[in-house]
N, C-alpha and C. Protein backbone atom coordinates (compact mmCIF):
# COMPACT_ATOMS: atom_id res chain seq x y z
N UNK A 1 -6.22 -20.21 -5.34
CA UNK A 1 -6.08 -19.32 -4.22
C UNK A 1 -7.29 -19.47 -3.33
N UNK A 2 -7.07 -19.70 -2.05
CA UNK A 2 -8.16 -19.77 -1.09
C UNK A 2 -8.61 -18.37 -0.77
N UNK A 3 -9.91 -18.17 -0.59
CA UNK A 3 -10.42 -16.84 -0.28
C UNK A 3 -11.58 -16.95 0.68
N UNK A 4 -11.65 -16.00 1.58
CA UNK A 4 -12.82 -15.89 2.45
C UNK A 4 -13.80 -14.97 1.76
N UNK A 5 -15.05 -15.36 1.67
CA UNK A 5 -16.04 -14.55 0.99
C UNK A 5 -17.09 -14.14 2.00
N UNK A 6 -17.33 -12.84 2.09
CA UNK A 6 -18.29 -12.31 3.03
C UNK A 6 -19.34 -11.53 2.26
N UNK A 7 -20.61 -11.86 2.45
CA UNK A 7 -21.69 -11.14 1.78
C UNK A 7 -22.04 -9.90 2.58
N UNK A 8 -22.41 -8.83 1.88
CA UNK A 8 -22.81 -7.59 2.53
C UNK A 8 -24.13 -7.79 3.25
N UNK A 9 -24.41 -6.92 4.21
CA UNK A 9 -25.66 -7.00 4.98
C UNK A 9 -26.85 -6.94 4.02
N UNK A 10 -27.84 -7.73 4.28
CA UNK A 10 -29.05 -7.73 3.46
C UNK A 10 -29.01 -8.73 2.32
N UNK A 11 -27.86 -9.31 2.02
CA UNK A 11 -27.78 -10.30 0.96
C UNK A 11 -28.07 -11.67 1.56
N UNK A 12 -28.74 -12.48 0.82
CA UNK A 12 -28.97 -13.85 1.25
C UNK A 12 -27.79 -14.68 0.80
N UNK A 13 -27.04 -15.14 1.77
CA UNK A 13 -25.84 -15.90 1.45
C UNK A 13 -26.21 -17.35 1.21
N UNK A 14 -25.68 -17.89 0.21
CA UNK A 14 -25.86 -19.30 -0.11
C UNK A 14 -24.55 -19.80 -0.68
N UNK A 15 -24.62 -20.77 -1.50
CA UNK A 15 -23.41 -21.27 -2.14
C UNK A 15 -23.18 -20.43 -3.39
N UNK A 16 -22.31 -19.42 -3.27
CA UNK A 16 -22.07 -18.50 -4.37
C UNK A 16 -20.87 -18.87 -5.22
N UNK A 17 -20.06 -19.75 -4.72
CA UNK A 17 -18.88 -20.12 -5.49
C UNK A 17 -19.15 -21.44 -6.19
N UNK A 18 -19.18 -21.40 -7.48
CA UNK A 18 -19.43 -22.59 -8.27
C UNK A 18 -18.46 -22.56 -9.44
N UNK A 19 -17.57 -23.48 -9.45
CA UNK A 19 -16.57 -23.57 -10.51
C UNK A 19 -15.78 -22.27 -10.66
N UNK A 20 -15.47 -21.62 -9.53
CA UNK A 20 -14.63 -20.43 -9.55
C UNK A 20 -15.32 -19.17 -10.01
N UNK A 21 -16.63 -19.15 -10.16
CA UNK A 21 -17.33 -17.96 -10.64
C UNK A 21 -18.18 -17.37 -9.53
N UNK A 22 -18.27 -16.04 -9.47
CA UNK A 22 -19.13 -15.35 -8.51
C UNK A 22 -20.27 -14.69 -9.27
N UNK A 23 -21.50 -14.87 -8.84
CA UNK A 23 -22.60 -14.17 -9.50
C UNK A 23 -22.58 -12.70 -9.15
N UNK A 24 -23.06 -11.84 -10.03
CA UNK A 24 -23.16 -10.41 -9.77
C UNK A 24 -24.64 -10.09 -9.55
N UNK A 25 -25.14 -10.44 -8.39
CA UNK A 25 -26.56 -10.31 -8.10
C UNK A 25 -26.88 -9.05 -7.31
N UNK A 26 -26.07 -8.01 -7.41
CA UNK A 26 -26.34 -6.77 -6.71
C UNK A 26 -25.87 -6.77 -5.27
N UNK A 27 -25.21 -7.81 -4.83
CA UNK A 27 -24.68 -7.88 -3.48
C UNK A 27 -23.19 -7.57 -3.52
N UNK A 28 -22.71 -6.93 -2.47
CA UNK A 28 -21.28 -6.62 -2.38
C UNK A 28 -20.56 -7.76 -1.68
N UNK A 29 -19.38 -8.08 -2.15
CA UNK A 29 -18.60 -9.14 -1.56
C UNK A 29 -17.20 -8.64 -1.26
N UNK A 30 -16.59 -9.16 -0.24
CA UNK A 30 -15.22 -8.85 0.13
C UNK A 30 -14.41 -10.13 -0.03
N UNK A 31 -13.43 -10.10 -0.90
CA UNK A 31 -12.58 -11.26 -1.13
C UNK A 31 -11.15 -10.85 -0.79
N UNK A 32 -10.65 -11.26 0.39
CA UNK A 32 -9.28 -10.90 0.74
C UNK A 32 -8.28 -11.48 -0.25
N UNK A 33 -7.41 -10.62 -0.75
CA UNK A 33 -6.37 -11.06 -1.66
C UNK A 33 -5.03 -10.57 -1.14
N UNK A 34 -3.97 -11.16 -1.62
CA UNK A 34 -2.64 -10.75 -1.22
C UNK A 34 -1.72 -10.81 -2.43
N UNK A 35 -1.80 -9.77 -3.28
CA UNK A 35 -0.89 -9.74 -4.42
C UNK A 35 0.55 -9.59 -3.94
N UNK A 36 1.47 -9.86 -4.81
CA UNK A 36 2.88 -9.76 -4.48
C UNK A 36 3.35 -8.31 -4.59
N UNK A 37 4.27 -7.94 -3.72
CA UNK A 37 4.91 -6.63 -3.83
C UNK A 37 6.16 -6.71 -4.71
N UNK A 38 6.69 -7.91 -4.88
CA UNK A 38 7.95 -8.11 -5.60
C UNK A 38 7.88 -7.54 -7.02
N UNK A 39 8.82 -6.65 -7.35
CA UNK A 39 8.89 -6.07 -8.68
C UNK A 39 7.84 -5.02 -8.96
N UNK A 40 7.17 -4.53 -7.94
CA UNK A 40 6.09 -3.56 -8.16
C UNK A 40 6.55 -2.12 -7.91
N UNK A 41 5.88 -1.20 -8.60
CA UNK A 41 6.11 0.25 -8.43
C UNK A 41 4.78 0.89 -8.08
N UNK A 42 4.82 1.87 -7.20
CA UNK A 42 3.60 2.50 -6.68
C UNK A 42 3.73 4.01 -6.66
N UNK A 43 2.67 4.68 -7.07
CA UNK A 43 2.54 6.12 -6.92
C UNK A 43 2.00 6.39 -5.52
N UNK A 44 2.65 7.27 -4.76
CA UNK A 44 2.16 7.64 -3.44
C UNK A 44 1.06 8.68 -3.65
N UNK A 45 -0.17 8.29 -3.36
CA UNK A 45 -1.33 9.18 -3.57
C UNK A 45 -1.57 10.11 -2.40
N UNK A 46 -1.29 9.63 -1.18
CA UNK A 46 -1.52 10.46 0.01
C UNK A 46 -0.62 9.98 1.14
N UNK A 47 -0.23 10.90 1.99
CA UNK A 47 0.50 10.60 3.22
C UNK A 47 -0.34 11.16 4.35
N UNK A 48 -0.70 10.31 5.30
CA UNK A 48 -1.56 10.69 6.42
C UNK A 48 -2.85 11.37 5.95
N UNK A 49 -3.39 10.89 4.82
CA UNK A 49 -4.65 11.41 4.30
C UNK A 49 -4.51 12.67 3.46
N UNK A 50 -3.33 13.28 3.42
CA UNK A 50 -3.14 14.49 2.61
C UNK A 50 -2.79 14.07 1.18
N UNK A 51 -3.65 14.44 0.24
CA UNK A 51 -3.46 14.07 -1.17
C UNK A 51 -2.24 14.78 -1.73
N UNK A 52 -1.43 14.03 -2.48
CA UNK A 52 -0.19 14.54 -3.06
C UNK A 52 -0.32 14.72 -4.56
N UNK A 53 0.51 15.57 -5.16
CA UNK A 53 0.47 15.71 -6.62
C UNK A 53 0.95 14.42 -7.28
N UNK A 54 0.35 14.04 -8.42
CA UNK A 54 0.73 12.79 -9.10
C UNK A 54 2.03 12.94 -9.91
N UNK A 55 3.15 13.07 -9.19
CA UNK A 55 4.44 13.22 -9.86
C UNK A 55 5.37 12.08 -9.47
N UNK A 56 6.49 11.98 -10.18
CA UNK A 56 7.47 10.94 -9.87
C UNK A 56 8.21 11.24 -8.57
N UNK A 57 7.97 12.40 -7.96
CA UNK A 57 8.60 12.73 -6.68
C UNK A 57 8.01 11.91 -5.54
N UNK A 58 6.88 11.24 -5.80
CA UNK A 58 6.22 10.44 -4.76
C UNK A 58 6.03 9.02 -5.28
N UNK A 59 7.05 8.18 -5.09
CA UNK A 59 7.04 6.80 -5.59
C UNK A 59 7.62 5.85 -4.57
N UNK A 60 7.15 4.60 -4.61
CA UNK A 60 7.73 3.53 -3.80
C UNK A 60 7.86 2.31 -4.70
N UNK A 61 9.02 1.62 -4.61
CA UNK A 61 9.27 0.42 -5.41
C UNK A 61 9.76 -0.70 -4.51
N UNK A 62 9.35 -1.93 -4.85
CA UNK A 62 9.73 -3.12 -4.11
C UNK A 62 10.42 -4.10 -5.05
N UNK A 63 11.52 -4.71 -4.62
CA UNK A 63 12.18 -5.72 -5.44
C UNK A 63 13.37 -6.33 -4.71
N UNK A 64 13.48 -7.64 -4.77
CA UNK A 64 14.62 -8.33 -4.17
C UNK A 64 14.73 -8.13 -2.67
N UNK A 65 13.60 -7.98 -1.99
CA UNK A 65 13.61 -7.75 -0.56
C UNK A 65 13.99 -6.33 -0.17
N UNK A 66 14.08 -5.46 -1.17
CA UNK A 66 14.44 -4.06 -0.94
C UNK A 66 13.26 -3.15 -1.27
N UNK A 67 13.24 -2.01 -0.59
CA UNK A 67 12.26 -0.96 -0.85
C UNK A 67 13.04 0.31 -1.15
N UNK A 68 12.52 1.12 -2.04
CA UNK A 68 13.16 2.38 -2.35
C UNK A 68 12.15 3.33 -2.94
N UNK A 69 12.53 4.58 -3.04
CA UNK A 69 11.63 5.54 -3.64
C UNK A 69 11.90 6.95 -3.21
N UNK A 70 10.88 7.77 -3.42
CA UNK A 70 10.94 9.18 -3.05
C UNK A 70 9.62 9.56 -2.39
N UNK A 71 9.70 10.34 -1.34
CA UNK A 71 8.51 10.86 -0.67
C UNK A 71 8.54 12.38 -0.71
N UNK A 72 9.03 12.92 -1.81
CA UNK A 72 9.18 14.37 -2.00
C UNK A 72 10.39 14.61 -2.86
N UNK A 73 11.44 15.19 -2.28
CA UNK A 73 12.62 15.47 -3.11
C UNK A 73 13.80 14.55 -2.81
N UNK A 74 13.80 13.86 -1.69
CA UNK A 74 14.90 12.96 -1.34
C UNK A 74 14.56 11.51 -1.63
N UNK A 75 15.57 10.73 -1.96
CA UNK A 75 15.41 9.29 -2.18
C UNK A 75 15.63 8.57 -0.86
N UNK A 76 14.98 7.41 -0.71
CA UNK A 76 15.23 6.54 0.43
C UNK A 76 15.38 5.12 -0.08
N UNK A 77 16.06 4.29 0.70
CA UNK A 77 16.16 2.87 0.35
C UNK A 77 16.32 2.08 1.63
N UNK A 78 15.99 0.81 1.53
CA UNK A 78 16.11 -0.06 2.69
C UNK A 78 15.67 -1.47 2.37
N UNK A 79 15.38 -2.22 3.39
CA UNK A 79 14.95 -3.61 3.29
C UNK A 79 13.52 -3.72 3.79
N UNK A 80 12.80 -4.75 3.32
CA UNK A 80 11.46 -4.99 3.85
C UNK A 80 11.23 -6.48 4.05
N UNK A 81 10.37 -6.77 5.02
CA UNK A 81 9.94 -8.14 5.31
C UNK A 81 8.44 -8.14 5.28
N UNK A 82 7.85 -9.00 4.47
CA UNK A 82 6.40 -9.06 4.28
C UNK A 82 5.82 -10.22 5.06
N UNK A 83 4.83 -9.92 5.92
CA UNK A 83 4.09 -10.94 6.64
C UNK A 83 2.74 -11.14 5.98
N UNK A 84 1.87 -11.89 6.61
CA UNK A 84 0.57 -12.15 6.00
C UNK A 84 -0.32 -10.91 5.95
N UNK A 85 -0.25 -10.05 6.95
CA UNK A 85 -1.07 -8.83 6.96
C UNK A 85 -0.27 -7.60 7.33
N UNK A 86 1.07 -7.73 7.31
CA UNK A 86 1.90 -6.61 7.72
C UNK A 86 3.21 -6.60 6.94
N UNK A 87 3.89 -5.48 7.06
CA UNK A 87 5.19 -5.33 6.45
C UNK A 87 6.06 -4.55 7.43
N UNK A 88 7.33 -4.95 7.53
CA UNK A 88 8.30 -4.24 8.35
C UNK A 88 9.36 -3.70 7.40
N UNK A 89 9.64 -2.41 7.51
CA UNK A 89 10.61 -1.73 6.66
C UNK A 89 11.77 -1.26 7.52
N UNK A 90 12.97 -1.49 7.04
CA UNK A 90 14.16 -0.95 7.69
C UNK A 90 14.79 0.01 6.69
N UNK A 91 14.59 1.32 6.92
CA UNK A 91 15.15 2.33 6.04
C UNK A 91 16.64 2.44 6.35
N UNK A 92 17.46 2.12 5.37
CA UNK A 92 18.90 2.09 5.54
C UNK A 92 19.50 3.47 5.29
N UNK A 93 19.03 4.14 4.22
CA UNK A 93 19.62 5.43 3.88
C UNK A 93 18.62 6.35 3.21
N UNK A 94 18.86 7.64 3.37
CA UNK A 94 18.09 8.67 2.67
C UNK A 94 19.08 9.71 2.17
N UNK A 95 18.75 10.33 1.04
CA UNK A 95 19.58 11.44 0.58
C UNK A 95 19.22 12.66 1.44
N UNK A 96 20.01 13.72 1.34
CA UNK A 96 19.80 14.86 2.22
C UNK A 96 19.80 16.18 1.45
N UNK A 97 18.98 16.25 0.41
CA UNK A 97 18.84 17.49 -0.33
C UNK A 97 17.92 18.44 0.45
N UNK A 98 18.14 19.72 0.27
CA UNK A 98 17.26 20.72 0.90
C UNK A 98 15.94 20.74 0.13
N UNK A 99 14.84 20.74 0.87
CA UNK A 99 13.51 20.72 0.26
C UNK A 99 12.68 21.88 0.82
N UNK A 100 11.62 22.22 0.12
CA UNK A 100 10.72 23.25 0.66
C UNK A 100 9.99 22.70 1.88
N UNK A 101 9.37 23.56 2.62
CA UNK A 101 8.76 23.18 3.91
C UNK A 101 7.67 22.12 3.75
N UNK A 102 6.79 22.27 2.77
CA UNK A 102 5.68 21.31 2.59
C UNK A 102 6.23 19.93 2.21
N UNK A 103 7.20 19.89 1.30
CA UNK A 103 7.78 18.61 0.87
C UNK A 103 8.51 17.94 2.03
N UNK A 104 9.23 18.73 2.81
CA UNK A 104 9.92 18.19 3.99
C UNK A 104 8.92 17.58 4.96
N UNK A 105 7.78 18.23 5.14
CA UNK A 105 6.74 17.69 6.04
C UNK A 105 6.22 16.35 5.52
N UNK A 106 6.01 16.24 4.18
CA UNK A 106 5.56 14.96 3.59
C UNK A 106 6.59 13.87 3.83
N UNK A 107 7.85 14.17 3.55
CA UNK A 107 8.91 13.18 3.73
C UNK A 107 9.03 12.74 5.18
N UNK A 108 8.99 13.68 6.08
CA UNK A 108 9.12 13.37 7.50
C UNK A 108 7.99 12.45 7.95
N UNK A 109 6.75 12.79 7.55
CA UNK A 109 5.59 11.97 7.93
C UNK A 109 5.65 10.59 7.27
N UNK A 110 6.00 10.54 5.98
CA UNK A 110 6.06 9.26 5.28
C UNK A 110 7.13 8.34 5.83
N UNK A 111 8.31 8.88 6.10
CA UNK A 111 9.39 8.07 6.66
C UNK A 111 9.08 7.62 8.08
N UNK A 112 8.42 8.47 8.86
CA UNK A 112 8.01 8.08 10.22
C UNK A 112 7.07 6.89 10.16
N UNK A 113 6.13 6.91 9.22
CA UNK A 113 5.20 5.79 9.07
C UNK A 113 5.95 4.52 8.66
N UNK A 114 6.88 4.64 7.71
CA UNK A 114 7.62 3.47 7.23
C UNK A 114 8.54 2.87 8.28
N UNK A 115 8.94 3.65 9.25
CA UNK A 115 9.88 3.15 10.27
C UNK A 115 9.19 2.35 11.37
N UNK A 116 7.88 2.19 11.29
CA UNK A 116 7.11 1.41 12.25
C UNK A 116 6.52 0.19 11.52
N UNK A 117 6.20 -0.89 12.23
CA UNK A 117 5.50 -2.00 11.58
C UNK A 117 4.20 -1.48 10.94
N UNK A 118 3.93 -1.92 9.73
CA UNK A 118 2.80 -1.43 8.96
C UNK A 118 1.77 -2.52 8.71
N UNK A 119 0.50 -2.18 8.86
CA UNK A 119 -0.60 -3.07 8.43
C UNK A 119 -0.83 -2.83 6.96
N UNK A 120 -1.17 -3.90 6.24
CA UNK A 120 -1.39 -3.82 4.80
C UNK A 120 -2.88 -3.96 4.52
N UNK A 121 -3.43 -3.04 3.72
CA UNK A 121 -4.82 -3.10 3.29
C UNK A 121 -4.84 -2.99 1.76
N UNK A 122 -5.17 -4.10 1.08
CA UNK A 122 -5.26 -4.14 -0.38
C UNK A 122 -6.68 -3.77 -0.79
N UNK A 123 -6.83 -2.98 -1.85
CA UNK A 123 -8.14 -2.68 -2.42
C UNK A 123 -8.04 -2.71 -3.94
N UNK A 124 -9.18 -2.64 -4.59
CA UNK A 124 -9.26 -2.66 -6.06
C UNK A 124 -8.47 -3.81 -6.66
N UNK A 125 -8.65 -5.01 -6.08
CA UNK A 125 -7.99 -6.24 -6.56
C UNK A 125 -6.48 -6.08 -6.68
N UNK A 126 -5.89 -5.38 -5.72
CA UNK A 126 -4.44 -5.22 -5.69
C UNK A 126 -3.91 -4.00 -6.39
N UNK A 127 -4.79 -3.17 -6.97
CA UNK A 127 -4.34 -1.96 -7.66
C UNK A 127 -4.05 -0.82 -6.69
N UNK A 128 -4.60 -0.91 -5.49
CA UNK A 128 -4.35 0.11 -4.47
C UNK A 128 -3.92 -0.57 -3.18
N UNK A 129 -3.11 0.14 -2.43
CA UNK A 129 -2.53 -0.40 -1.22
C UNK A 129 -2.46 0.71 -0.18
N UNK A 130 -2.90 0.42 1.03
CA UNK A 130 -2.76 1.38 2.13
C UNK A 130 -1.87 0.73 3.18
N UNK A 131 -0.82 1.44 3.56
CA UNK A 131 0.09 1.00 4.60
C UNK A 131 -0.15 1.90 5.81
N UNK A 132 -0.48 1.30 6.95
CA UNK A 132 -0.82 2.08 8.14
C UNK A 132 0.02 1.62 9.32
N UNK A 133 0.66 2.58 9.98
CA UNK A 133 1.43 2.29 11.19
C UNK A 133 0.88 3.11 12.34
N UNK A 134 1.50 2.99 13.49
CA UNK A 134 1.06 3.76 14.66
C UNK A 134 1.36 5.25 14.50
N UNK A 135 2.21 5.61 13.53
CA UNK A 135 2.56 7.02 13.35
C UNK A 135 2.02 7.65 12.08
N UNK A 136 1.38 6.88 11.21
CA UNK A 136 0.85 7.47 9.99
C UNK A 136 0.48 6.45 8.94
N UNK A 137 0.19 6.95 7.73
CA UNK A 137 -0.23 6.04 6.65
C UNK A 137 0.23 6.57 5.29
N UNK A 138 0.36 5.62 4.35
CA UNK A 138 0.63 5.93 2.95
C UNK A 138 -0.42 5.24 2.10
N UNK A 139 -1.04 5.99 1.20
CA UNK A 139 -1.99 5.44 0.24
C UNK A 139 -1.28 5.35 -1.10
N UNK A 140 -1.22 4.12 -1.66
CA UNK A 140 -0.46 3.87 -2.88
C UNK A 140 -1.36 3.36 -4.01
N UNK A 141 -0.99 3.69 -5.25
CA UNK A 141 -1.66 3.16 -6.44
C UNK A 141 -0.60 2.48 -7.30
N UNK A 142 -0.89 1.23 -7.68
CA UNK A 142 0.08 0.45 -8.47
C UNK A 142 0.31 1.08 -9.84
N UNK A 143 1.57 1.22 -10.18
CA UNK A 143 1.98 1.68 -11.50
C UNK A 143 2.33 0.49 -12.37
N UNK A 144 3.07 -0.46 -11.78
CA UNK A 144 3.39 -1.73 -12.45
C UNK A 144 3.65 -2.78 -11.40
């Protein structure tokens, strides 16, 4: 895998990559990675920065070019297309159960974000993912 390596300010950059190993010399490094979304499940940790309870009511799953999950009490499903730094989601259907006001607000905000082109930000070596659009964001933690 090719990677761009950037040393943090104050570090003396030299040839740090030798036989695939990085030294841990107290300097911070940023290594862009792009794990696969295929077959993955994610806990929705926050919508628009608002932290959510860690329940199965807030999940997103990717597989076979499809996306599905729950952003509160209703299920959603659709298709997704993954680019190098972005993802486009086409939400095909959502269930229509009555939800409490707070949960409805989470779903509305989450679906609004998903309906716009999203920038992808991977962190923790692919264990966390932030999807950001012009209308909002979802912070995700990989379950599998």
